[in-house]
Amino acid sequence: MGYVSFTSDYQQGCHPAILRRMVEGNMECHAGYGADDVCESARGRIREACACPSAAVHFLAGGTQANMVVLDALLAPWEGVVAATSGHVSVHEAGAIEHGGHKVIELSGELGKLTAKKVEACAASWETDDNRDHMVQPGVVYISQPSEYGTLYSRMELEAISHVCHEHGMRLYVDGARLAYALGCPANDVTLPDLARLADAFYIGGTKCGALLGEAVVFPNPAICPRFFTQMKQHGALLAKSWLVGMQFDVLFEGELYERVGRAAIVAADRMRELLAAQGYRLVFGSPTNQVFVELSDDGVSRLAERVGYSFWEKSDTDHAIVRLATSWATTEADLDALAAALDEIGH
């Protein structure tokens, strides 16, 4: 029997429309470092989608790189970033933020999400501590949309967190590595204009959302990081061939392709959830996006590995584990049929 992989959402190359455009433009000459017409066209499309005509848009290669450079730019030397204990900057970036000289101030999350109440308490705790001059000051709040658990911040939740941040002189930064899968989800009510209105910085993920590689960092108010271009250079994050990333976003934001690839992954994930539920598997975390979390016995996990690629998430008890199956813009009906056949064969 065949093997099918749902290990992550960046396993395939790129959307065919992007590949065609890259082949067609391969021999064109472009200015370096993003000072080219292709990047400027992509910036214009992103500004229009965000309803933010004055936004600064910068193209970087990957998500950890974007997080590291943006947070270093937003934070003063004495400041740290507030994040959920499950946040990507907390767990899966090998201490990149701390390596840059900034502490990650972890707060317990609720299914991967921070709450305005906990952010408020964190800020107030520092402000009222008589020893605060000896302590790292919370300067930025980091969240991701969707969260690491595939859950979504509602517009109301985002507005509340944004309000708390600005009441306490902090900035709000949103990691959008999987943003297409939030925008394409029927349960979502947060739009790109909402992010531009409420966040001080965010990035639009490309690597996991149909691009070959690349992320688009957006500063709705460019004055918040006036020398970000130079800071990218300092971090080794300024691409001479920035047009290679700009071209991909120019395609993704032409004719709403970005949201369409997100919706395709959600449709596939919904069918996956139906397949799992129909066979009695226990779905956990309530993710409505492209990440599906399921509990299996340890023996079931071993048998699943023979037929299906997945990501181990965590142990739920001594005899069971939670694994993640991720759909993407490239998931096919044949992939889901293969999953159904595997589930029929391996049982729980």
Protein backbone atom coordinates (compact mmCIF):
# COMPACT_ATOMS: atom_id res chain seq x y z
CA MET A 1 0.00 0.00 0.00
CA GLY A 2 1.10 3.60 -0.65
CA TYR A 3 2.55 6.13 1.75
CA VAL A 4 1.12 9.64 2.12
CA SER A 5 2.62 12.51 4.10
CA PHE A 6 0.82 15.14 6.13
CA THR A 7 3.91 16.01 8.14
CA SER A 8 3.75 19.74 7.43
CA ASP A 9 2.48 22.36 5.00
CA TYR A 10 5.80 23.22 3.33
CA GLN A 11 6.68 19.87 1.78
CA GLN A 12 5.94 20.72 -1.85
CA GLY A 13 7.69 23.38 -3.91
CA CYS A 14 5.31 26.15 -4.91
CA HIS A 15 1.97 26.84 -6.53
CA PRO A 16 2.11 26.24 -10.31
CA ALA A 17 1.17 29.87 -11.03
CA ILE A 18 4.26 31.01 -9.14
CA LEU A 19 6.50 28.51 -10.90
CA ARG A 20 5.22 29.66 -14.31
CA ARG A 21 5.89 33.29 -13.44
CA MET A 22 9.39 32.50 -12.18
CA VAL A 23 10.24 30.55 -15.33
CA GLU A 24 8.88 33.33 -17.54
CA GLY A 25 10.86 35.98 -15.68
CA ASN A 26 14.00 33.96 -15.08
CA MET A 27 16.20 35.86 -17.53
CA GLU A 28 14.87 39.33 -16.72
CA CYS A 29 17.30 41.79 -15.11
CA HIS A 30 16.29 43.36 -11.80
CA ALA A 31 17.78 45.85 -9.39
CA GLY A 32 19.06 44.37 -6.15
CA TYR A 33 17.85 44.36 -2.56
CA GLY A 34 14.16 44.89 -3.33
CA ALA A 35 14.59 48.13 -5.30
CA ASP A 36 12.92 46.64 -8.37
CA ASP A 37 9.58 46.91 -10.14
CA VAL A 38 8.52 43.35 -9.24
CA CYS A 39 8.90 43.94 -5.49
CA GLU A 40 7.20 47.30 -5.78
CA SER A 41 4.25 45.70 -7.59
CA ALA A 42 3.98 43.09 -4.82
CA ARG A 43 4.16 45.81 -2.18
CA GLY A 44 1.35 47.66 -3.92
CA ARG A 45 -0.86 44.56 -4.00
CA ILE A 46 -0.19 43.84 -0.31
CA ARG A 47 -0.90 47.44 0.68
CA GLU A 48 -4.17 47.29 -1.22
CA ALA A 49 -5.15 43.97 0.39
CA CYS A 50 -4.36 45.45 3.82
CA ALA A 51 -6.18 48.73 3.05
CA CYS A 52 -3.01 50.44 4.25
CA PRO A 53 -1.49 52.49 1.41
CA SER A 54 1.39 53.85 3.50
CA ALA A 55 2.59 50.51 4.92
CA ALA A 56 6.22 49.47 4.63
CA VAL A 57 6.59 45.97 3.18
CA HIS A 58 9.85 44.00 3.31
CA PHE A 59 10.63 40.55 1.89
CA LEU A 60 12.59 38.00 3.94
CA ALA A 61 13.48 34.37 3.35
CA GLY A 62 11.87 32.52 6.27
CA GLY A 63 9.75 32.69 9.40
CA THR A 64 12.40 32.33 12.11
CA GLN A 65 14.51 34.91 10.33
CA ALA A 66 11.54 37.29 10.12
CA ASN A 67 10.73 36.85 13.81
CA MET A 68 14.32 37.39 14.87
CA VAL A 69 14.87 40.53 12.78
CA VAL A 70 11.49 42.13 13.50
CA LEU A 71 11.64 41.54 17.24
CA ASP A 72 15.19 42.84 17.44
CA ALA A 73 14.03 45.95 15.57
CA LEU A 74 10.97 46.49 17.78
CA LEU A 75 12.65 45.86 21.13
CA ALA A 76 14.95 48.14 23.09
CA PRO A 77 18.02 46.39 24.57
CA TRP A 78 16.35 46.15 27.98
CA GLU A 79 13.06 44.77 26.68
CA GLY A 80 11.71 41.25 26.13
CA VAL A 81 8.91 39.70 24.12
CA VAL A 82 5.79 38.25 25.74
CA ALA A 83 4.66 34.97 24.15
CA ALA A 84 2.62 31.89 24.96
CA THR A 85 4.64 28.95 26.25
CA SER A 86 3.64 27.13 23.05
CA GLY A 87 4.62 30.06 20.82
CA HIS A 88 7.02 29.45 17.97
CA VAL A 89 9.55 31.93 19.38
CA SER A 90 9.32 30.12 22.72
CA VAL A 91 9.76 26.53 21.56
CA HIS A 92 10.73 25.93 17.95
CA GLU A 93 13.31 28.57 17.08
CA ALA A 94 16.32 27.17 18.95
CA GLY A 95 16.58 30.23 21.17
CA ALA A 96 16.95 32.61 18.21
CA ILE A 97 15.34 35.49 20.08
CA GLU A 98 17.50 34.97 23.17
CA HIS A 99 20.53 34.64 20.89
CA GLY A 100 19.72 38.15 19.69
CA GLY A 101 19.82 39.43 23.25
CA HIS A 102 16.13 39.52 24.16
CA LYS A 103 14.33 37.42 26.75
CA VAL A 104 11.15 35.54 25.84
CA ILE A 105 8.69 36.16 28.67
CA GLU A 106 6.43 33.11 28.60
CA LEU A 107 2.79 33.14 29.66
CA SER A 108 0.50 30.12 29.79
CA GLY A 109 -1.84 30.12 26.83
CA GLU A 110 -5.31 28.75 26.20
CA LEU A 111 -5.08 26.33 23.28
CA GLY A 112 -2.07 28.24 22.04
CA LYS A 113 -3.54 31.71 22.49
CA LEU A 114 -2.71 34.54 24.85
CA THR A 115 -5.53 36.48 26.49
CA ALA A 116 -5.72 40.20 27.03
CA LYS A 117 -6.20 39.55 30.73
CA LYS A 118 -2.90 37.69 31.05
CA VAL A 119 -1.05 40.28 28.98
CA GLU A 120 -2.51 43.01 31.21
CA ALA A 121 -1.37 41.15 34.33
CA CYS A 122 2.13 40.71 32.91
CA ALA A 123 2.47 44.41 32.12
CA ALA A 124 1.03 45.46 35.48
CA SER A 125 3.34 43.09 37.35
CA TRP A 126 6.41 44.78 35.86
CA GLU A 127 5.04 48.30 36.29
CA THR A 128 4.23 47.83 39.98
CA ASP A 129 7.43 45.98 40.93
CA ASP A 130 9.80 48.20 42.91
CA ASN A 131 12.69 46.22 41.43
CA ARG A 132 11.63 46.73 37.82
CA ASP A 133 14.83 48.63 36.96
CA HIS A 134 16.64 45.34 37.54
CA MET A 135 14.20 43.37 35.37
CA VAL A 136 13.51 42.80 31.69
CA GLN A 137 10.64 45.04 30.61
CA PRO A 138 7.86 43.51 28.46
CA GLY A 139 8.11 45.46 25.22
CA VAL A 140 6.37 43.42 22.54
CA VAL A 141 3.55 40.89 22.60
CA TYR A 142 3.99 38.06 20.09
CA ILE A 143 1.06 36.02 18.84
CA SER A 144 0.53 33.87 15.78
CA GLN A 145 -2.56 33.63 13.58
CA PRO A 146 -3.38 30.74 13.49
CA SER A 147 -1.78 29.64 16.76
CA GLU A 148 0.55 26.66 17.10
CA TYR A 149 -2.56 24.63 17.94
CA GLY A 150 -4.31 25.71 14.75
CA THR A 151 -6.75 27.86 16.73
CA LEU A 152 -7.78 31.36 15.73
CA TYR A 153 -7.86 34.72 17.46
CA SER A 154 -11.20 36.41 16.91
CA ARG A 155 -11.36 40.08 15.99
CA MET A 156 -12.65 40.83 19.49
CA GLU A 157 -9.73 38.99 21.11
CA LEU A 158 -7.23 40.73 18.86
CA GLU A 159 -8.75 44.13 19.59
CA ALA A 160 -8.55 43.48 23.32
CA ILE A 161 -4.88 42.43 23.16
CA SER A 162 -4.02 45.39 20.94
CA HIS A 163 -5.72 47.76 23.37
CA VAL A 164 -3.80 46.35 26.35
CA CYS A 165 -0.51 46.57 24.46
CA HIS A 166 -0.94 50.19 23.56
CA GLU A 167 -2.28 51.14 26.99
CA HIS A 168 0.97 49.84 28.47
CA GLY A 169 3.36 51.14 25.82
CA MET A 170 3.99 47.74 24.23
CA ARG A 171 3.90 46.78 20.57
CA LEU A 172 1.86 43.95 19.06
CA TYR A 173 3.52 41.62 16.54
CA VAL A 174 1.63 38.89 14.69
CA ASP A 175 3.39 35.88 13.19
CA GLY A 176 1.47 34.95 10.04
CA ALA A 177 3.43 31.90 8.91
CA ARG A 178 0.11 30.15 8.16
CA LEU A 179 -1.96 33.28 7.63
CA ALA A 180 -3.50 32.03 4.37
CA TYR A 181 -5.08 29.18 6.33
CA ALA A 182 -6.62 31.65 8.76
CA LEU A 183 -7.91 33.94 6.02
CA GLY A 184 -9.35 30.96 4.15
CA CYS A 185 -11.14 29.50 7.18
CA PRO A 186 -14.91 30.11 7.53
CA ALA A 187 -14.48 30.40 11.32
CA ASN A 188 -12.15 33.38 10.93
CA ASP A 189 -13.31 36.98 11.25
CA VAL A 190 -9.90 38.72 11.27
CA THR A 191 -8.99 40.31 7.94
CA LEU A 192 -5.75 41.76 6.63
CA PRO A 193 -7.09 45.30 7.19
CA ASP A 194 -7.83 44.28 10.80
CA LEU A 195 -4.20 43.19 11.25
CA ALA A 196 -2.97 46.44 9.72
CA ARG A 197 -5.23 48.40 12.07
CA LEU A 198 -4.46 46.52 15.27
CA ALA A 199 -0.86 45.24 14.97
CA ASP A 200 2.34 47.28 14.94
CA ALA A 201 3.95 44.67 12.72
CA PHE A 202 2.99 41.35 11.18
CA TYR A 203 4.17 39.07 8.46
CA ILE A 204 2.31 37.34 5.69
CA GLY A 205 3.57 33.79 5.35
CA GLY A 206 4.65 32.48 1.98
CA THR A 207 6.79 29.42 2.76
CA LYS A 208 3.85 27.44 4.20
CA CYS A 209 1.23 29.06 1.97
CA GLY A 210 2.11 28.26 -1.62
CA ALA A 211 5.43 30.06 -2.15
CA LEU A 212 8.74 28.36 -2.78
CA LEU A 213 10.08 30.40 0.13
CA GLY A 214 9.68 33.83 1.64
CA GLU A 215 7.67 35.99 4.02
CA ALA A 216 6.37 39.54 3.65
CA VAL A 217 6.86 41.71 6.75
CA VAL A 218 4.39 44.59 7.06
CA PHE A 219 4.76 47.71 9.20
CA PRO A 220 1.45 49.59 8.94
CA ASN A 221 3.24 52.67 10.32
CA PRO A 222 6.72 52.71 8.74
CA ALA A 223 7.94 55.21 11.35
CA ILE A 224 7.96 52.47 14.01
CA CYS A 225 11.05 50.93 12.35
CA PRO A 226 12.52 53.61 10.09
CA ARG A 227 15.80 51.76 9.42
CA PHE A 228 14.45 48.24 9.06
CA PHE A 229 16.18 47.85 5.68
CA THR A 230 19.53 48.43 7.37
CA GLN A 231 18.64 46.13 10.25
CA MET A 232 17.85 43.38 7.75
CA LYS A 233 21.34 43.88 6.33
CA GLN A 234 22.91 43.69 9.80
CA HIS A 235 21.18 40.36 10.39
CA GLY A 236 22.24 38.91 7.03
CA ALA A 237 18.58 38.86 6.02
CA LEU A 238 18.70 41.27 3.08
CA LEU A 239 18.51 39.28 -0.16
CA ALA A 240 20.37 40.64 -3.17
CA LYS A 241 17.79 38.83 -5.31
CA SER A 242 14.80 40.04 -3.31
CA TRP A 243 12.80 40.02 -6.51
CA LEU A 244 12.66 36.21 -6.25
CA VAL A 245 10.50 36.58 -3.13
CA GLY A 246 8.69 39.70 -4.35
CA MET A 247 7.67 37.92 -7.54
CA GLN A 248 6.04 35.12 -5.57
CA PHE A 249 3.98 37.55 -3.48
CA ASP A 250 3.08 39.49 -6.61
CA VAL A 251 1.47 36.28 -7.89
CA LEU A 252 -0.09 35.29 -4.55
CA PHE A 253 -1.80 38.68 -4.22
CA GLU A 254 -3.02 38.83 -7.79
CA GLY A 255 -6.68 37.80 -8.05
CA GLU A 256 -6.93 36.68 -4.39
CA LEU A 257 -4.80 33.56 -4.95
CA TYR A 258 -3.46 33.81 -1.40
CA GLU A 259 -6.88 33.30 0.16
CA ARG A 260 -7.84 30.67 -2.42
CA VAL A 261 -4.88 28.44 -1.56
CA GLY A 262 -5.85 28.83 2.09
CA ARG A 263 -9.44 27.78 1.45
CA ALA A 264 -8.30 24.70 -0.46
CA ALA A 265 -6.30 23.52 2.55
CA ILE A 266 -9.27 24.09 4.88
CA VAL A 267 -11.58 22.06 2.64
CA ALA A 268 -9.04 19.23 2.71
CA ALA A 269 -8.63 19.49 6.49
CA ASP A 270 -12.41 19.40 7.00
CA ARG A 271 -12.61 16.17 5.01
CA MET A 272 -9.71 14.78 7.05
CA ARG A 273 -11.55 15.60 10.27
CA GLU A 274 -14.64 13.84 8.93
CA LEU A 275 -12.62 10.74 8.05
CA LEU A 276 -11.04 10.59 11.49
CA ALA A 277 -14.28 11.23 13.38
CA ALA A 278 -16.17 8.64 11.34
CA GLN A 279 -13.72 5.98 12.49
CA GLY A 280 -13.93 7.01 16.12
CA TYR A 281 -10.63 8.84 16.48
CA ARG A 282 -10.55 11.57 19.11
CA LEU A 283 -9.78 15.00 17.69
CA VAL A 284 -8.25 17.46 20.14
CA PHE A 285 -7.72 21.22 20.52
CA GLY A 286 -10.67 22.13 18.28
CA SER A 287 -8.52 23.51 15.47
CA PRO A 288 -10.66 24.76 12.55
CA THR A 289 -7.68 25.44 10.27
CA ASN A 290 -5.28 23.22 8.33
CA GLN A 291 -3.65 21.55 11.34
CA VAL A 292 -5.55 18.50 12.59
CA PHE A 293 -4.64 17.01 15.97
CA VAL A 294 -5.66 13.48 16.85
CA GLU A 295 -5.02 11.22 19.83
CA LEU A 296 -3.77 7.68 19.21
CA SER A 297 -2.56 4.83 21.35
CA ASP A 298 1.21 4.41 21.27
CA ASP A 299 0.70 1.26 19.22
CA GLY A 300 -1.58 3.18 16.85
CA VAL A 301 1.10 5.83 16.39
CA SER A 302 3.61 3.15 15.42
CA ARG A 303 1.24 1.61 12.91
CA LEU A 304 0.32 5.03 11.50
CA ALA A 305 3.98 5.81 10.85
CA GLU A 306 4.18 2.90 8.41
CA ARG A 307 1.58 4.47 6.13
CA VAL A 308 1.20 8.16 6.96
CA GLY A 309 3.64 10.99 7.62
CA TYR A 310 2.73 13.07 10.67
CA SER A 311 4.33 15.30 13.33
CA PHE A 312 4.51 14.08 16.91
CA TRP A 313 2.97 16.71 19.18
CA GLU A 314 2.93 15.53 22.79
CA LYS A 315 2.10 12.64 25.07
CA SER A 316 -1.45 12.83 26.40
CA ASP A 317 -0.91 10.06 28.96
CA THR A 318 1.39 7.10 29.48
CA ASP A 319 -0.24 5.04 26.72
CA HIS A 320 -1.42 7.70 24.25
CA ALA A 321 0.07 10.47 22.14
CA ILE A 322 -1.24 13.40 20.15
CA VAL A 323 -0.03 13.71 16.58
CA ARG A 324 -0.55 16.47 14.03
CA LEU A 325 -1.64 16.00 10.43
CA ALA A 326 -1.33 19.13 8.28
CA THR A 327 -3.00 19.79 4.96
CA SER A 328 -1.78 22.48 2.58
CA TRP A 329 -2.55 24.27 -0.65
CA ALA A 330 -1.17 21.16 -2.43
CA THR A 331 -3.24 18.45 -0.70
CA THR A 332 -5.18 16.36 -3.21
CA GLU A 333 -8.23 14.13 -3.08
CA ALA A 334 -5.89 11.23 -3.79
CA ASP A 335 -3.91 12.11 -0.65
CA LEU A 336 -7.07 12.01 1.43
CA ASP A 337 -8.20 8.75 -0.18
CA ALA A 338 -4.83 7.25 0.74
CA LEU A 339 -5.31 8.44 4.32
CA ALA A 340 -8.77 6.87 4.45
CA ALA A 341 -7.38 3.55 3.21
CA ALA A 342 -4.59 3.67 5.78
CA LEU A 343 -7.02 4.40 8.61
CA ASP A 344 -9.21 1.49 7.51
CA GLU A 345 -6.23 -0.82 7.70
CA ILE A 346 -4.47 0.27 10.88
CA GLY A 347 -7.42 0.98 13.17
CA HIS A 348 -6.74 2.77 16.44
